[in-house]
């Protein structure tokens, strides 16, 4: 079981059915709106966080008019007056694996109830703040497919990435994955573009310091069902686990 971050959500929902795509589109729209506010602007050339949010939206074909409305909402042009907040929950999956769940919500009480119910329904539980966050590190993560076609000299490429601030470079499931500190993520992304490499995914993640193996088949099944629920629920923007 290797679903330790939200990457599975983006990777597998490109061909999702209409209901799942609707939930995904809602999450991505909220993400764009909040990126405008947190980055203090609606121009992706000047707001790197917004640029990443739009990239994710384009990856699953979010309509341009939906993107534009989300940007305008972030700039304060919201007809309903709602305010979106980023809220983080920490808890445990069946078997004791740690999970961090990030939501973008206009109603924290509603979202807290949804997250608590989702975890409880599958044998997990909601924890207190900082109950599992210490098990993770905040990292910039870049994933690149077909990198062998783009990287002619891998040793030179690694040195360039290290010079730009890469902490680690690994291959995972046919992807080249670059890990860096949050403050160096933009430099890594721009450095890749200079090399004519367009990443499939660029984002800040909670990366587990150590991964945990779940061996019990019944617990693994419940975890898989719970992660599927987290994937499909529009109250959940991101989730990160320490599952191996």
Protein backbone atom coordinates (compact mmCIF):
# COMPACT_ATOMS: atom_id res chain seq x y z
CA UNK A 1 0.00 0.00 0.00
CA UNK A 2 1.72 3.16 -1.17
CA UNK A 3 -0.97 5.84 -0.96
CA UNK A 4 0.82 8.20 1.39
CA UNK A 5 -0.12 11.49 -0.27
CA UNK A 6 -2.78 13.19 -2.35
CA UNK A 7 -0.81 12.43 -5.54
CA UNK A 8 -3.05 9.38 -6.00
CA UNK A 9 -6.05 11.68 -6.13
CA UNK A 10 -4.76 13.76 -9.02
CA UNK A 11 -3.23 10.81 -10.85
CA UNK A 12 -6.31 8.60 -10.77
CA UNK A 13 -9.15 11.10 -11.11
CA UNK A 14 -8.34 12.39 -14.58
CA UNK A 15 -10.78 9.81 -15.93
CA UNK A 16 -13.22 9.91 -13.03
CA UNK A 17 -17.00 9.75 -13.48
CA UNK A 18 -19.13 12.89 -13.40
CA UNK A 19 -19.87 12.78 -9.66
CA UNK A 20 -16.22 12.40 -8.71
CA UNK A 21 -15.13 15.03 -11.21
CA UNK A 22 -17.68 17.46 -9.76
CA UNK A 23 -16.20 16.99 -6.27
CA UNK A 24 -12.69 17.33 -7.68
CA UNK A 25 -13.59 20.51 -9.56
CA UNK A 26 -15.06 21.99 -6.37
CA UNK A 27 -11.84 21.32 -4.46
CA UNK A 28 -9.67 22.75 -7.22
CA UNK A 29 -11.81 25.89 -7.45
CA UNK A 30 -11.46 26.45 -3.70
CA UNK A 31 -7.73 25.88 -3.99
CA UNK A 32 -7.45 28.56 -6.67
CA UNK A 33 -9.51 31.03 -4.64
CA UNK A 34 -7.38 30.53 -1.54
CA UNK A 35 -4.16 30.71 -3.54
CA UNK A 36 -5.20 34.15 -4.79
CA UNK A 37 -5.73 35.35 -1.22
CA UNK A 38 -2.65 33.74 0.27
CA UNK A 39 -0.45 34.91 -2.60
CA UNK A 40 -1.98 38.42 -2.62
CA UNK A 41 -2.85 38.53 -6.30
CA UNK A 42 -4.66 37.02 -9.23
CA UNK A 43 -1.75 36.97 -11.69
CA UNK A 44 -0.10 33.53 -11.80
CA UNK A 45 3.09 35.12 -13.16
CA UNK A 46 3.42 37.02 -9.89
CA UNK A 47 1.77 34.46 -7.57
CA UNK A 48 3.58 31.12 -7.61
CA UNK A 49 1.02 29.43 -5.37
CA UNK A 50 -1.76 30.43 -7.78
CA UNK A 51 0.27 29.16 -10.71
CA UNK A 52 0.54 25.72 -9.09
CA UNK A 53 -3.19 25.67 -8.33
CA UNK A 54 -4.01 26.51 -11.96
CA UNK A 55 -1.59 23.83 -13.19
CA UNK A 56 -3.44 21.23 -11.13
CA UNK A 57 -6.75 22.47 -12.50
CA UNK A 58 -5.51 22.23 -16.08
CA UNK A 59 -4.28 18.68 -15.46
CA UNK A 60 -7.89 17.52 -15.00
CA UNK A 61 -9.39 19.93 -17.57
CA UNK A 62 -11.13 22.31 -15.19
CA UNK A 63 -13.01 24.73 -17.52
CA UNK A 64 -11.35 28.11 -18.01
CA UNK A 65 -14.46 30.03 -16.97
CA UNK A 66 -14.49 28.08 -13.68
CA UNK A 67 -10.84 29.00 -13.13
CA UNK A 68 -11.60 32.66 -13.86
CA UNK A 69 -14.56 32.70 -11.43
CA UNK A 70 -12.41 31.16 -8.71
CA UNK A 71 -9.74 33.82 -9.25
CA UNK A 72 -12.34 36.61 -9.11
CA UNK A 73 -13.74 35.13 -5.91
CA UNK A 74 -10.26 35.20 -4.43
CA UNK A 75 -9.97 38.85 -5.39
CA UNK A 76 -13.13 39.61 -3.43
CA UNK A 77 -15.77 39.37 -6.13
CA UNK A 78 -17.86 36.77 -4.28
CA UNK A 79 -21.61 37.25 -4.59
CA UNK A 80 -22.44 35.05 -1.58
CA UNK A 81 -19.95 36.65 0.82
CA UNK A 82 -18.43 33.34 1.93
CA UNK A 83 -14.84 33.12 3.14
CA UNK A 84 -12.76 30.01 2.54
CA UNK A 85 -10.25 28.93 5.18
CA UNK A 86 -7.52 26.32 5.15
CA UNK A 87 -8.04 23.89 8.05
CA UNK A 88 -5.79 20.99 9.02
CA UNK A 89 -6.89 17.88 10.88
CA UNK A 90 -4.71 15.15 12.35
CA UNK A 91 -5.69 11.63 13.21
CA UNK A 92 -5.13 7.92 12.88
CA UNK A 93 -6.16 5.32 10.32
CA UNK A 94 -7.05 1.72 11.22
CA UNK A 95 -3.91 0.00 12.48
CA UNK A 96 -2.47 3.23 13.89
CA UNK A 97 -1.07 4.84 10.72
CA UNK A 98 -0.97 8.64 10.89
CA UNK A 99 -2.98 10.91 8.62
CA UNK A 100 -3.06 14.66 8.05
CA UNK A 101 -6.20 15.91 6.31
CA UNK A 102 -6.35 19.39 4.82
CA UNK A 103 -9.67 21.03 4.02
CA UNK A 104 -10.63 24.27 2.34
CA UNK A 105 -13.90 25.20 3.96
CA UNK A 106 -16.40 28.00 4.49
CA UNK A 107 -17.78 26.24 7.60
CA UNK A 108 -15.28 24.70 10.02
CA UNK A 109 -17.95 23.11 12.22
CA UNK A 110 -19.48 21.28 9.27
CA UNK A 111 -16.13 20.13 7.94
CA UNK A 112 -14.89 18.95 11.36
CA UNK A 113 -17.98 16.80 11.67
CA UNK A 114 -17.49 15.33 8.22
CA UNK A 115 -13.81 14.48 8.84
CA UNK A 116 -14.52 12.98 12.27
CA UNK A 117 -17.33 10.86 10.82
CA UNK A 118 -15.24 9.66 7.87
CA UNK A 119 -12.43 8.49 10.15
CA UNK A 120 -14.77 6.94 12.71
CA UNK A 121 -16.79 5.02 10.13
CA UNK A 122 -13.73 2.99 9.15
CA UNK A 123 -12.12 2.44 12.54
CA UNK A 124 -9.90 5.51 12.60
CA UNK A 125 -10.12 8.50 14.90
CA UNK A 126 -9.53 12.23 14.95
CA UNK A 127 -6.57 13.36 17.04
CA UNK A 128 -5.59 16.57 18.77
CA UNK A 129 -3.51 19.26 17.04
CA UNK A 130 0.15 18.18 16.76
CA UNK A 131 -0.72 14.58 17.59
CA UNK A 132 0.84 13.34 14.32
CA UNK A 133 2.32 16.41 12.60
CA UNK A 134 5.68 15.71 14.24
CA UNK A 135 5.89 12.51 12.15
CA UNK A 136 6.02 14.54 8.92
CA UNK A 137 8.17 17.18 7.25
CA UNK A 138 6.85 19.94 5.04
CA UNK A 139 8.52 19.50 1.65
CA UNK A 140 8.26 20.75 -1.88
CA UNK A 141 7.59 17.77 -4.15
CA UNK A 142 7.98 17.65 -7.94
CA UNK A 143 6.99 14.59 -9.99
CA UNK A 144 8.11 14.07 -13.58
CA UNK A 145 7.03 11.28 -15.93
CA UNK A 146 8.98 10.25 -19.05
CA UNK A 147 12.03 11.92 -17.55
CA UNK A 148 14.38 9.60 -19.45
CA UNK A 149 13.28 11.29 -22.68
CA UNK A 150 14.02 14.75 -21.26
CA UNK A 151 17.18 14.15 -19.23
CA UNK A 152 20.15 13.38 -21.46
CA UNK A 153 22.83 13.32 -18.77
CA UNK A 154 21.36 12.28 -15.45
CA UNK A 155 24.46 13.06 -13.38
CA UNK A 156 24.57 16.63 -14.72
CA UNK A 157 20.84 16.96 -14.16
CA UNK A 158 21.15 15.88 -10.52
CA UNK A 159 23.94 18.37 -9.89
CA UNK A 160 21.85 21.20 -11.36
CA UNK A 161 18.89 20.27 -9.17
CA UNK A 162 21.10 20.05 -6.06
CA UNK A 163 22.52 23.50 -6.87
CA UNK A 164 18.94 24.79 -7.01
CA UNK A 165 18.16 23.30 -3.59
CA UNK A 166 17.03 19.70 -4.15
CA UNK A 167 17.33 17.65 -0.95
CA UNK A 168 16.67 14.26 -2.55
CA UNK A 169 15.93 12.78 -5.98
CA UNK A 170 14.21 9.39 -6.25
CA UNK A 171 12.32 7.22 -8.73
CA UNK A 172 8.85 6.16 -7.64
CA UNK A 173 6.37 4.26 -9.81
CA UNK A 174 8.00 5.35 -13.07
CA UNK A 175 8.19 8.96 -11.92
CA UNK A 176 11.25 10.98 -11.05
CA UNK A 177 10.52 12.69 -7.74
CA UNK A 178 12.44 15.71 -6.47
CA UNK A 179 12.17 16.71 -2.82
CA UNK A 180 13.16 20.18 -1.66
CA UNK A 181 12.48 22.69 1.08
CA UNK A 182 9.34 24.83 0.66
CA UNK A 183 11.41 27.96 0.03
CA UNK A 184 13.30 26.32 -2.85
CA UNK A 185 10.29 24.83 -4.64
CA UNK A 186 9.88 27.76 -7.04
CA UNK A 187 13.58 27.70 -7.96
CA UNK A 188 13.37 23.96 -8.72
CA UNK A 189 10.28 24.44 -10.87
CA UNK A 190 11.78 27.33 -12.82
CA UNK A 191 15.05 25.43 -13.22
CA UNK A 192 13.20 22.50 -14.75
CA UNK A 193 11.47 24.81 -17.21
CA UNK A 194 14.85 26.15 -18.31
CA UNK A 195 15.78 22.54 -19.03
CA UNK A 196 12.58 22.22 -21.14
CA UNK A 197 11.07 19.80 -18.61
CA UNK A 198 7.41 20.21 -17.70
CA UNK A 199 6.60 18.45 -14.39
CA UNK A 200 3.36 16.53 -13.98
CA UNK A 201 2.96 17.75 -10.41
CA UNK A 202 4.47 20.47 -8.21
CA UNK A 203 3.19 21.00 -4.70
CA UNK A 204 3.94 21.34 -1.00
CA UNK A 205 3.30 18.10 0.87
CA UNK A 206 3.64 16.62 4.32
CA UNK A 207 6.23 13.89 3.73
CA UNK A 208 6.50 11.17 6.41
CA UNK A 209 9.82 10.93 8.25
CA UNK A 210 9.32 7.16 8.48
CA UNK A 211 6.77 4.97 6.73
CA UNK A 212 4.58 2.38 8.44
CA UNK A 213 3.63 -1.03 7.09
CA UNK A 214 0.13 -2.41 7.67
CA UNK A 215 0.08 -6.18 7.33
CA UNK A 216 -3.39 -7.10 8.57
CA UNK A 217 -5.62 -7.71 5.50
CA UNK A 218 -8.79 -6.47 7.22
CA UNK A 219 -7.13 -3.24 8.30
CA UNK A 220 -5.65 -2.73 4.83
CA UNK A 221 -9.10 -3.13 3.30
CA UNK A 222 -10.63 -0.59 5.69
CA UNK A 223 -7.80 1.85 5.02
CA UNK A 224 -8.30 1.53 1.27
CA UNK A 225 -12.02 2.17 1.65
CA UNK A 226 -11.35 5.20 3.86
CA UNK A 227 -8.80 6.68 1.46
CA UNK A 228 -11.29 6.24 -1.39
CA UNK A 229 -13.82 8.20 0.68
CA UNK A 230 -11.27 10.93 1.30
CA UNK A 231 -10.52 11.04 -2.44
CA UNK A 232 -14.19 11.50 -3.29
CA UNK A 233 -15.30 13.91 -0.55
CA UNK A 234 -15.24 17.54 -1.63
CA UNK A 235 -14.67 18.65 1.98
CA UNK A 236 -11.20 17.08 1.75
CA UNK A 237 -8.61 18.95 -0.27
CA UNK A 238 -5.45 17.00 0.55
CA UNK A 239 -4.49 14.08 2.74
CA UNK A 240 -1.10 12.67 3.71
CA UNK A 241 -0.27 9.43 5.49
CA UNK A 242 2.82 7.59 6.63
CA UNK A 243 1.74 4.37 4.92
CA UNK A 244 4.41 2.42 3.12
